[in-house]
Amino acid sequence: MILTLALASTGILHAEPRANERIALALSGQNCSLHRQAIAKTLSQVPGVIRIDMDLIDGHILIDRIQDQRTAADFQTIINGSLPSDAQCRAEVMESCISADPMPPSHAH
């Protein structure tokens, strides 16, 4: 009984699920289309990523993730670090109007 009360008071027993959040990154450069599959594969292996959409908006990556897992800058670094040094493609954080609600997790990858 004491253990149950302790777990409940810390939120472990009845933890509320964290909300999903969408991050938008723009891809810029001449040969980004050559790296789409590698980028998607890299992102799909990042813990907390629920869904990746590279088709909804041309030249952009929309990443649905568990809130408070990683920042947009983290994803920018992950993508840019995974590209070959001679790739003429870079990911940049979007601080703009792509604010559509995250897609449900049932449509993952």
C-alpha atoms as a PDB file:
ATOM      1  CA  MET A   1       0.000   0.000   0.000  1.00  0.00           C
ATOM      2  CA  ILE A   2       2.793   2.422   0.877  1.00  0.00           C
ATOM      3  CA  LEU A   3       4.585   1.562  -2.379  1.00  0.00           C
ATOM      4  CA  THR A   4       1.409   2.197  -4.374  1.00  0.00           C
ATOM      5  CA  LEU A   5       0.938   5.593  -2.732  1.00  0.00           C
ATOM      6  CA  ALA A   6       4.560   6.493  -3.335  1.00  0.00           C
ATOM      7  CA  LEU A   7       4.368   5.532  -7.014  1.00  0.00           C
ATOM      8  CA  ALA A   8       1.087   7.369  -7.501  1.00  0.00           C
ATOM      9  CA  SER A   9       2.413  10.541  -5.888  1.00  0.00           C
ATOM     10  CA  THR A  10       5.478  10.568  -8.153  1.00  0.00           C
ATOM     11  CA  GLY A  11       3.370  10.004 -11.256  1.00  0.00           C
ATOM     12  CA  ILE A  12       4.962   6.665 -12.103  1.00  0.00           C
ATOM     13  CA  LEU A  13       1.844   4.605 -11.492  1.00  0.00           C
ATOM     14  CA  HIS A  14      -0.606   6.795 -13.424  1.00  0.00           C
ATOM     15  CA  ALA A  15       1.718   8.773 -15.658  1.00  0.00           C
ATOM     16  CA  GLU A  16      -0.065  10.863 -18.239  1.00  0.00           C
ATOM     17  CA  PRO A  17       1.233  10.327 -21.757  1.00  0.00           C
ATOM     18  CA  ARG A  18       3.299  13.196 -23.077  1.00  0.00           C
ATOM     19  CA  ALA A  19       1.824  15.061 -26.001  1.00  0.00           C
ATOM     20  CA  ASN A  20       3.214  14.769 -29.492  1.00  0.00           C
ATOM     21  CA  GLU A  21       4.839  17.751 -31.108  1.00  0.00           C
ATOM     22  CA  ARG A  22       5.679  18.553 -34.726  1.00  0.00           C
ATOM     23  CA  ILE A  23       9.041  19.898 -35.795  1.00  0.00           C
ATOM     24  CA  ALA A  24       9.574  21.257 -39.299  1.00  0.00           C
ATOM     25  CA  LEU A  25      12.927  21.360 -41.032  1.00  0.00           C
ATOM     26  CA  ALA A  26      13.653  22.725 -44.499  1.00  0.00           C
ATOM     27  CA  LEU A  27      16.066  20.948 -46.790  1.00  0.00           C
ATOM     28  CA  SER A  28      18.148  23.200 -48.983  1.00  0.00           C
ATOM     29  CA  GLY A  29      20.713  22.346 -51.601  1.00  0.00           C
ATOM     30  CA  GLN A  30      21.043  20.888 -55.058  1.00  0.00           C
ATOM     31  CA  ASN A  31      21.004  17.177 -54.285  1.00  0.00           C
ATOM     32  CA  CYS A  32      18.744  16.714 -51.259  1.00  0.00           C
ATOM     33  CA  SER A  33      16.517  14.309 -53.195  1.00  0.00           C
ATOM     34  CA  LEU A  34      19.473  11.905 -53.417  1.00  0.00           C
ATOM     35  CA  HIS A  35      19.616  11.698 -49.617  1.00  0.00           C
ATOM     36  CA  ARG A  36      15.909  11.368 -48.749  1.00  0.00           C
ATOM     37  CA  GLN A  37      16.003   7.655 -47.932  1.00  0.00           C
ATOM     38  CA  ALA A  38      19.139   7.969 -45.799  1.00  0.00           C
ATOM     39  CA  ILE A  39      17.645  10.933 -43.915  1.00  0.00           C
ATOM     40  CA  ALA A  40      14.378   9.071 -43.289  1.00  0.00           C
ATOM     41  CA  LYS A  41      16.268   5.989 -42.087  1.00  0.00           C
ATOM     42  CA  THR A  42      18.428   8.062 -39.740  1.00  0.00           C
ATOM     43  CA  LEU A  43      15.412   9.862 -38.268  1.00  0.00           C
ATOM     44  CA  SER A  44      13.400   6.666 -37.852  1.00  0.00           C
ATOM     45  CA  GLN A  45      16.119   5.365 -35.524  1.00  0.00           C
ATOM     46  CA  VAL A  46      15.965   8.376 -33.187  1.00  0.00           C
ATOM     47  CA  PRO A  47      14.179   7.543 -29.913  1.00  0.00           C
ATOM     48  CA  GLY A  48      10.973   9.525 -29.480  1.00  0.00           C
ATOM     49  CA  VAL A  49      10.267   9.945 -33.206  1.00  0.00           C
ATOM     50  CA  ILE A  50       6.710   8.887 -33.961  1.00  0.00           C
ATOM     51  CA  ARG A  51       6.368   9.810 -37.628  1.00  0.00           C
ATOM     52  CA  ILE A  52       8.403  11.364 -40.417  1.00  0.00           C
ATOM     53  CA  ASP A  53       6.796  12.999 -43.441  1.00  0.00           C
ATOM     54  CA  MET A  54       9.010  14.144 -46.284  1.00  0.00           C
ATOM     55  CA  ASP A  55       6.205  14.338 -48.867  1.00  0.00           C
ATOM     56  CA  LEU A  56       3.596  16.675 -47.396  1.00  0.00           C
ATOM     57  CA  ILE A  57       5.537  19.861 -48.176  1.00  0.00           C
ATOM     58  CA  ASP A  58       8.164  19.804 -50.900  1.00  0.00           C
ATOM     59  CA  GLY A  59      11.661  20.427 -49.568  1.00  0.00           C
ATOM     60  CA  HIS A  60      10.645  19.968 -45.929  1.00  0.00           C
ATOM     61  CA  ILE A  61      10.759  17.282 -43.286  1.00  0.00           C
ATOM     62  CA  LEU A  62       7.963  17.130 -40.740  1.00  0.00           C
ATOM     63  CA  ILE A  63       8.880  15.160 -37.647  1.00  0.00           C
ATOM     64  CA  ASP A  64       6.258  14.143 -35.118  1.00  0.00           C
ATOM     65  CA  ARG A  65       7.966  13.377 -31.861  1.00  0.00           C
ATOM     66  CA  ILE A  66       7.215  12.878 -28.204  1.00  0.00           C
ATOM     67  CA  GLN A  67       7.317  16.298 -26.602  1.00  0.00           C
ATOM     68  CA  ASP A  68      10.468  17.194 -24.647  1.00  0.00           C
ATOM     69  CA  GLN A  69      12.544  14.417 -26.206  1.00  0.00           C
ATOM     70  CA  ARG A  70      14.742  16.420 -28.628  1.00  0.00           C
ATOM     71  CA  THR A  71      14.770  19.951 -29.956  1.00  0.00           C
ATOM     72  CA  ALA A  72      14.525  21.089 -33.563  1.00  0.00           C
ATOM     73  CA  ALA A  73      18.216  22.015 -33.369  1.00  0.00           C
ATOM     74  CA  ASP A  74      18.990  18.438 -32.258  1.00  0.00           C
ATOM     75  CA  PHE A  75      17.256  17.076 -35.361  1.00  0.00           C
ATOM     76  CA  GLN A  76      19.062  19.586 -37.559  1.00  0.00           C
ATOM     77  CA  THR A  77      22.383  18.399 -36.117  1.00  0.00           C
ATOM     78  CA  ILE A  78      21.422  14.725 -36.504  1.00  0.00           C
ATOM     79  CA  ILE A  79      20.464  15.148 -40.166  1.00  0.00           C
ATOM     80  CA  ASN A  80      23.402  17.332 -41.135  1.00  0.00           C
ATOM     81  CA  GLY A  81      25.788  15.020 -39.304  1.00  0.00           C
ATOM     82  CA  SER A  82      24.461  11.990 -41.163  1.00  0.00           C
ATOM     83  CA  LEU A  83      25.000  13.490 -44.620  1.00  0.00           C
ATOM     84  CA  PRO A  84      28.260  12.922 -46.474  1.00  0.00           C
ATOM     85  CA  SER A  85      30.676  15.847 -46.206  1.00  0.00           C
ATOM     86  CA  ASP A  86      30.393  16.499 -49.945  1.00  0.00           C
ATOM     87  CA  ALA A  87      26.566  16.496 -49.931  1.00  0.00           C
ATOM     88  CA  GLN A  88      25.102  19.688 -51.264  1.00  0.00           C
ATOM     89  CA  CYS A  89      22.183  19.419 -48.890  1.00  0.00           C
ATOM     90  CA  ARG A  90      21.533  20.906 -45.465  1.00  0.00           C
ATOM     91  CA  ALA A  91      18.665  20.817 -43.003  1.00  0.00           C
ATOM     92  CA  GLU A  92      17.576  24.082 -41.424  1.00  0.00           C
ATOM     93  CA  VAL A  93      15.138  24.656 -38.572  1.00  0.00           C
ATOM     94  CA  MET A  94      11.841  26.221 -39.619  1.00  0.00           C
ATOM     95  CA  GLU A  95      10.594  28.862 -37.215  1.00  0.00           C
ATOM     96  CA  SER A  96       7.542  29.628 -39.274  1.00  0.00           C
ATOM     97  CA  CYS A  97       3.997  28.824 -40.207  1.00  0.00           C
ATOM     98  CA  ILE A  98       3.990  25.036 -40.426  1.00  0.00           C
ATOM     99  CA  SER A  99       1.769  24.517 -37.444  1.00  0.00           C
ATOM    100  CA  ALA A 100      -0.631  21.782 -38.442  1.00  0.00           C
ATOM    101  CA  ASP A 101      -1.480  19.412 -35.634  1.00  0.00           C
ATOM    102  CA  PRO A 102       0.737  16.342 -35.412  1.00  0.00           C
ATOM    103  CA  MET A 103      -0.524  13.303 -37.237  1.00  0.00           C
ATOM    104  CA  PRO A 104      -1.855  10.442 -35.139  1.00  0.00           C
ATOM    105  CA  PRO A 105       0.763   7.817 -34.245  1.00  0.00           C
ATOM    106  CA  SER A 106      -1.254   5.119 -35.998  1.00  0.00           C
ATOM    107  CA  HIS A 107       0.138   6.436 -39.290  1.00  0.00           C
ATOM    108  CA  ALA A 108       3.766   5.938 -38.207  1.00  0.00           C
ATOM    109  CA  HIS A 109       6.435   5.697 -40.907  1.00  0.00           C
END
